[in-house]
Amino acid sequence: MKRRLSDYFSGYPSQEKVARLMLRYGMRTSEGRVFCGEVEVSDSSLARAAKVDRRIVRSTLVRIESNPEMREFFERLSPMPLLATVAPVMGWNVLEIIPSNASSPGILADVATVIAEAGISIRQAVVDDPELNEEPRLLVVTEGPVPPEYIPSLKRCRGVKSIIIH
């Protein structure tokens, strides 16, 4: 999607900045307006966050709405809470998996298998899209700590370069 956005907004870097911000936060469009979930986001609020003039936000929305593929894409976006940020408050744990190659298949499957074998429940797993993030990660929020004896098994999972335990 990153390439499609870059191609579509080629020559309009400020509009691309707005579109990327909308994508990052799962902001959707509907009839020329922007929403985060069901909460409408004003042009001026979005402009401040993107550090652009509010007229750039308006022209970005017009540009998105004028292309059927872009319109449908941005109409379907939705925000998702990242439980890793509240894990300490809830008494949960977070494993941050740094992949050797984020495009390799099976990283999440192997990591989830090891955690399941440890008898730990996964509350959430979030995988960054390597096209959207320069340093993609796999964040796994668990209900309890992964026992130390399972860490070597996690490190041996295919595609795992390193692990950060939060």
C-alpha atoms as a PDB file:
ATOM      1  CA  MET A   1       0.000   0.000   0.000  1.00  0.00           C
ATOM      2  CA  LYS A   2       2.911   2.322   0.710  1.00  0.00           C
ATOM      3  CA  ARG A   3       3.928   2.264  -2.945  1.00  0.00           C
ATOM      4  CA  ARG A   4       0.346   2.839  -4.111  1.00  0.00           C
ATOM      5  CA  LEU A   5       0.035   5.857  -1.815  1.00  0.00           C
ATOM      6  CA  SER A   6       3.388   7.208  -3.006  1.00  0.00           C
ATOM      7  CA  ASP A   7       2.405   6.689  -6.653  1.00  0.00           C
ATOM      8  CA  TYR A   8      -1.076   8.147  -6.218  1.00  0.00           C
ATOM      9  CA  PHE A   9       0.130  11.190  -4.288  1.00  0.00           C
ATOM     10  CA  SER A  10       3.246  11.658  -6.441  1.00  0.00           C
ATOM     11  CA  GLY A  11       3.832  15.386  -6.714  1.00  0.00           C
ATOM     12  CA  TYR A  12       1.668  16.064  -3.639  1.00  0.00           C
ATOM     13  CA  PRO A  13       3.921  15.311  -0.649  1.00  0.00           C
ATOM     14  CA  SER A  14       1.749  17.184   1.864  1.00  0.00           C
ATOM     15  CA  GLN A  15      -1.326  15.239   0.787  1.00  0.00           C
ATOM     16  CA  GLU A  16       0.635  12.001   1.045  1.00  0.00           C
ATOM     17  CA  LYS A  17       1.620  13.001   4.587  1.00  0.00           C
ATOM     18  CA  VAL A  18      -2.060  13.401   5.502  1.00  0.00           C
ATOM     19  CA  ALA A  19      -3.007  10.090   3.868  1.00  0.00           C
ATOM     20  CA  ARG A  20      -0.206   8.249   5.701  1.00  0.00           C
ATOM     21  CA  LEU A  21      -1.321   9.728   9.016  1.00  0.00           C
ATOM     22  CA  MET A  22      -4.884   8.605   8.334  1.00  0.00           C
ATOM     23  CA  LEU A  23      -3.634   5.117   7.508  1.00  0.00           C
ATOM     24  CA  ARG A  24      -1.435   4.961  10.621  1.00  0.00           C
ATOM     25  CA  TYR A  25      -4.366   5.713  12.922  1.00  0.00           C
ATOM     26  CA  GLY A  26      -7.024   3.845  10.963  1.00  0.00           C
ATOM     27  CA  MET A  27      -8.951   6.997  10.078  1.00  0.00           C
ATOM     28  CA  ARG A  28     -11.630   6.359   7.516  1.00  0.00           C
ATOM     29  CA  THR A  29     -13.354   8.656   5.073  1.00  0.00           C
ATOM     30  CA  SER A  30     -17.058   8.965   4.489  1.00  0.00           C
ATOM     31  CA  GLU A  31     -18.652  11.550   2.222  1.00  0.00           C
ATOM     32  CA  GLY A  32     -15.665  13.861   2.404  1.00  0.00           C
ATOM     33  CA  ARG A  33     -15.295  13.653   6.180  1.00  0.00           C
ATOM     34  CA  VAL A  34     -12.758  11.842   8.356  1.00  0.00           C
ATOM     35  CA  PHE A  35     -13.616   9.511  11.216  1.00  0.00           C
ATOM     36  CA  CYS A  36     -11.645   7.623  13.816  1.00  0.00           C
ATOM     37  CA  GLY A  37     -14.138   4.881  14.558  1.00  0.00           C
ATOM     38  CA  GLU A  38     -17.403   6.756  14.894  1.00  0.00           C
ATOM     39  CA  VAL A  39     -15.748   9.986  16.081  1.00  0.00           C
ATOM     40  CA  GLU A  40     -15.497  12.681  13.448  1.00  0.00           C
ATOM     41  CA  VAL A  41     -12.074  14.288  13.134  1.00  0.00           C
ATOM     42  CA  SER A  42     -12.031  17.917  12.042  1.00  0.00           C
ATOM     43  CA  ASP A  43      -9.901  19.053   9.144  1.00  0.00           C
ATOM     44  CA  SER A  44      -8.036  21.447  11.424  1.00  0.00           C
ATOM     45  CA  SER A  45      -7.252  18.721  14.002  1.00  0.00           C
ATOM     46  CA  LEU A  46      -5.915  16.425  11.300  1.00  0.00           C
ATOM     47  CA  ALA A  47      -3.954  19.307   9.776  1.00  0.00           C
ATOM     48  CA  ARG A  48      -2.287  20.097  13.120  1.00  0.00           C
ATOM     49  CA  ALA A  49      -1.329  16.455  13.601  1.00  0.00           C
ATOM     50  CA  ALA A  50       0.102  16.249  10.062  1.00  0.00           C
ATOM     51  CA  LYS A  51       1.707  19.697  10.370  1.00  0.00           C
ATOM     52  CA  VAL A  52       0.016  20.976   7.234  1.00  0.00           C
ATOM     53  CA  ASP A  53      -2.555  23.642   6.427  1.00  0.00           C
ATOM     54  CA  ARG A  54      -6.185  22.511   6.809  1.00  0.00           C
ATOM     55  CA  ARG A  55      -6.756  23.195   3.097  1.00  0.00           C
ATOM     56  CA  ILE A  56      -4.268  20.394   2.383  1.00  0.00           C
ATOM     57  CA  VAL A  57      -6.493  18.028   4.376  1.00  0.00           C
ATOM     58  CA  ARG A  58      -9.499  19.095   2.334  1.00  0.00           C
ATOM     59  CA  SER A  59      -7.653  18.620  -0.982  1.00  0.00           C
ATOM     60  CA  THR A  60      -6.398  15.213   0.214  1.00  0.00           C
ATOM     61  CA  LEU A  61      -9.964  14.107   0.909  1.00  0.00           C
ATOM     62  CA  VAL A  62     -11.120  15.321  -2.497  1.00  0.00           C
ATOM     63  CA  ARG A  63      -8.238  13.433  -4.123  1.00  0.00           C
ATOM     64  CA  ILE A  64      -9.053  10.240  -2.166  1.00  0.00           C
ATOM     65  CA  GLU A  65     -12.759  10.450  -3.014  1.00  0.00           C
ATOM     66  CA  SER A  66     -12.019  10.953  -6.728  1.00  0.00           C
ATOM     67  CA  ASN A  67     -10.316   7.550  -7.090  1.00  0.00           C
ATOM     68  CA  PRO A  68     -12.557   4.473  -6.600  1.00  0.00           C
ATOM     69  CA  GLU A  69      -9.726   2.278  -5.259  1.00  0.00           C
ATOM     70  CA  MET A  70      -8.475   4.914  -2.798  1.00  0.00           C
ATOM     71  CA  ARG A  71     -12.017   5.806  -1.747  1.00  0.00           C
ATOM     72  CA  GLU A  72     -12.903   2.188  -1.015  1.00  0.00           C
ATOM     73  CA  PHE A  73      -9.617   1.617   0.825  1.00  0.00           C
ATOM     74  CA  PHE A  74     -10.028   4.663   3.079  1.00  0.00           C
ATOM     75  CA  GLU A  75     -13.746   3.978   3.650  1.00  0.00           C
ATOM     76  CA  ARG A  76     -12.865   0.573   5.165  1.00  0.00           C
ATOM     77  CA  LEU A  77     -10.136   1.606   7.610  1.00  0.00           C
ATOM     78  CA  SER A  78     -10.729   1.256  11.334  1.00  0.00           C
ATOM     79  CA  PRO A  79      -8.674   1.992  14.442  1.00  0.00           C
ATOM     80  CA  MET A  80      -7.479  -0.779  16.733  1.00  0.00           C
ATOM     81  CA  PRO A  81      -6.287  -0.383  20.322  1.00  0.00           C
ATOM     82  CA  LEU A  82      -2.722  -1.491  20.960  1.00  0.00           C
ATOM     83  CA  LEU A  83      -2.854  -3.469  24.205  1.00  0.00           C
ATOM     84  CA  ALA A  84       0.948  -3.421  24.489  1.00  0.00           C
ATOM     85  CA  THR A  85       0.730   0.185  25.681  1.00  0.00           C
ATOM     86  CA  VAL A  86      -1.568  -0.714  28.590  1.00  0.00           C
ATOM     87  CA  ALA A  87      -0.084  -4.136  29.358  1.00  0.00           C
ATOM     88  CA  PRO A  88       1.844  -2.975  32.456  1.00  0.00           C
ATOM     89  CA  VAL A  89      -1.327  -1.466  33.931  1.00  0.00           C
ATOM     90  CA  MET A  90      -3.222  -4.706  33.355  1.00  0.00           C
ATOM     91  CA  GLY A  91      -0.458  -6.970  34.675  1.00  0.00           C
ATOM     92  CA  TRP A  92       0.196  -8.421  31.228  1.00  0.00           C
ATOM     93  CA  ASN A  93       3.521  -8.976  29.506  1.00  0.00           C
ATOM     94  CA  VAL A  94       4.771  -7.960  26.085  1.00  0.00           C
ATOM     95  CA  LEU A  95       7.191  -9.747  23.790  1.00  0.00           C
ATOM     96  CA  GLU A  96       8.583  -7.606  21.012  1.00  0.00           C
ATOM     97  CA  ILE A  97       9.864  -9.818  18.238  1.00  0.00           C
ATOM     98  CA  ILE A  98      12.351  -8.270  15.826  1.00  0.00           C
ATOM     99  CA  PRO A  99      12.301 -10.264  12.591  1.00  0.00           C
ATOM    100  CA  SER A 100      15.288 -11.053  10.434  1.00  0.00           C
ATOM    101  CA  ASN A 101      12.942 -10.741   7.440  1.00  0.00           C
ATOM    102  CA  ALA A 102       9.441  -9.488   8.228  1.00  0.00           C
ATOM    103  CA  SER A 103       8.099 -10.873   4.952  1.00  0.00           C
ATOM    104  CA  SER A 104       8.940 -14.496   5.826  1.00  0.00           C
ATOM    105  CA  PRO A 105       5.904 -16.647   6.478  1.00  0.00           C
ATOM    106  CA  GLY A 106       5.446 -18.483   9.769  1.00  0.00           C
ATOM    107  CA  ILE A 107       6.967 -16.078  12.298  1.00  0.00           C
ATOM    108  CA  LEU A 108       3.695 -15.459  14.129  1.00  0.00           C
ATOM    109  CA  ALA A 109       2.672 -19.123  13.904  1.00  0.00           C
ATOM    110  CA  ASP A 110       5.936 -20.382  15.397  1.00  0.00           C
ATOM    111  CA  VAL A 111       5.989 -17.790  18.189  1.00  0.00           C
ATOM    112  CA  ALA A 112       2.335 -18.464  19.068  1.00  0.00           C
ATOM    113  CA  THR A 113       3.019 -22.217  19.155  1.00  0.00           C
ATOM    114  CA  VAL A 114       5.862 -21.802  21.662  1.00  0.00           C
ATOM    115  CA  ILE A 115       3.759 -19.509  23.856  1.00  0.00           C
ATOM    116  CA  ALA A 116       0.855 -21.984  23.751  1.00  0.00           C
ATOM    117  CA  GLU A 117       3.202 -24.846  24.699  1.00  0.00           C
ATOM    118  CA  ALA A 118       4.201 -22.755  27.737  1.00  0.00           C
ATOM    119  CA  GLY A 119       0.529 -22.654  28.731  1.00  0.00           C
ATOM    120  CA  ILE A 120       0.323 -18.874  28.379  1.00  0.00           C
ATOM    121  CA  SER A 121      -2.700 -17.159  26.858  1.00  0.00           C
ATOM    122  CA  ILE A 122      -2.165 -14.514  24.174  1.00  0.00           C
ATOM    123  CA  ARG A 123      -4.308 -11.404  24.615  1.00  0.00           C
ATOM    124  CA  GLN A 124      -3.216  -9.747  21.369  1.00  0.00           C
ATOM    125  CA  ALA A 125      -0.673 -10.157  18.584  1.00  0.00           C
ATOM    126  CA  VAL A 126       0.049  -7.257  16.256  1.00  0.00           C
ATOM    127  CA  VAL A 127       2.298  -7.549  13.237  1.00  0.00           C
ATOM    128  CA  ASP A 128       3.602  -4.425  11.516  1.00  0.00           C
ATOM    129  CA  ASP A 129       3.300  -4.420   7.758  1.00  0.00           C
ATOM    130  CA  PRO A 130       6.820  -4.315   6.312  1.00  0.00           C
ATOM    131  CA  GLU A 131       5.576  -2.060   3.520  1.00  0.00           C
ATOM    132  CA  LEU A 132       4.320   0.519   6.011  1.00  0.00           C
ATOM    133  CA  ASN A 133       7.005   0.359   8.701  1.00  0.00           C
ATOM    134  CA  GLU A 134      10.714   0.586   8.087  1.00  0.00           C
ATOM    135  CA  GLU A 135      11.419  -1.450  11.234  1.00  0.00           C
ATOM    136  CA  PRO A 136       8.483  -3.877  11.486  1.00  0.00           C
ATOM    137  CA  ARG A 137       7.871  -5.757  14.704  1.00  0.00           C
ATOM    138  CA  LEU A 138       5.632  -8.462  16.079  1.00  0.00           C
ATOM    139  CA  LEU A 139       4.137  -7.465  19.431  1.00  0.00           C
ATOM    140  CA  VAL A 140       2.662 -10.286  21.474  1.00  0.00           C
ATOM    141  CA  VAL A 141       0.728  -9.391  24.617  1.00  0.00           C
ATOM    142  CA  THR A 142       0.463 -12.325  27.017  1.00  0.00           C
ATOM    143  CA  GLU A 143      -1.547 -12.788  30.206  1.00  0.00           C
ATOM    144  CA  GLY A 144       1.510 -13.980  32.069  1.00  0.00           C
ATOM    145  CA  PRO A 145       5.255 -14.068  31.661  1.00  0.00           C
ATOM    146  CA  VAL A 146       6.759 -16.610  29.330  1.00  0.00           C
ATOM    147  CA  PRO A 147       8.867 -18.941  31.505  1.00  0.00           C
ATOM    148  CA  PRO A 148      12.620 -18.395  30.956  1.00  0.00           C
ATOM    149  CA  GLU A 149      13.127 -21.948  29.718  1.00  0.00           C
ATOM    150  CA  TYR A 150      10.933 -21.137  26.657  1.00  0.00           C
ATOM    151  CA  ILE A 151      12.971 -18.100  25.557  1.00  0.00           C
ATOM    152  CA  PRO A 152      15.560 -20.197  23.643  1.00  0.00           C
ATOM    153  CA  SER A 153      12.694 -21.866  21.755  1.00  0.00           C
ATOM    154  CA  LEU A 154      11.306 -18.438  20.849  1.00  0.00           C
ATOM    155  CA  LYS A 155      14.714 -17.310  19.632  1.00  0.00           C
ATOM    156  CA  ARG A 156      14.915 -20.401  17.398  1.00  0.00           C
ATOM    157  CA  CYS A 157      11.583 -19.656  15.709  1.00  0.00           C
ATOM    158  CA  ARG A 158      11.966 -19.043  11.997  1.00  0.00           C
ATOM    159  CA  GLY A 159      12.487 -15.422  11.112  1.00  0.00           C
ATOM    160  CA  VAL A 160      13.204 -14.268  14.684  1.00  0.00           C
ATOM    161  CA  LYS A 161      16.290 -12.065  14.884  1.00  0.00           C
ATOM    162  CA  SER A 162      15.883 -10.972  18.503  1.00  0.00           C
ATOM    163  CA  ILE A 163      13.370 -10.616  21.325  1.00  0.00           C
ATOM    164  CA  ILE A 164      12.735  -7.743  23.710  1.00  0.00           C
ATOM    165  CA  ILE A 165      10.719  -8.606  26.825  1.00  0.00           C
ATOM    166  CA  HIS A 166       8.777  -5.719  28.309  1.00  0.00           C
END
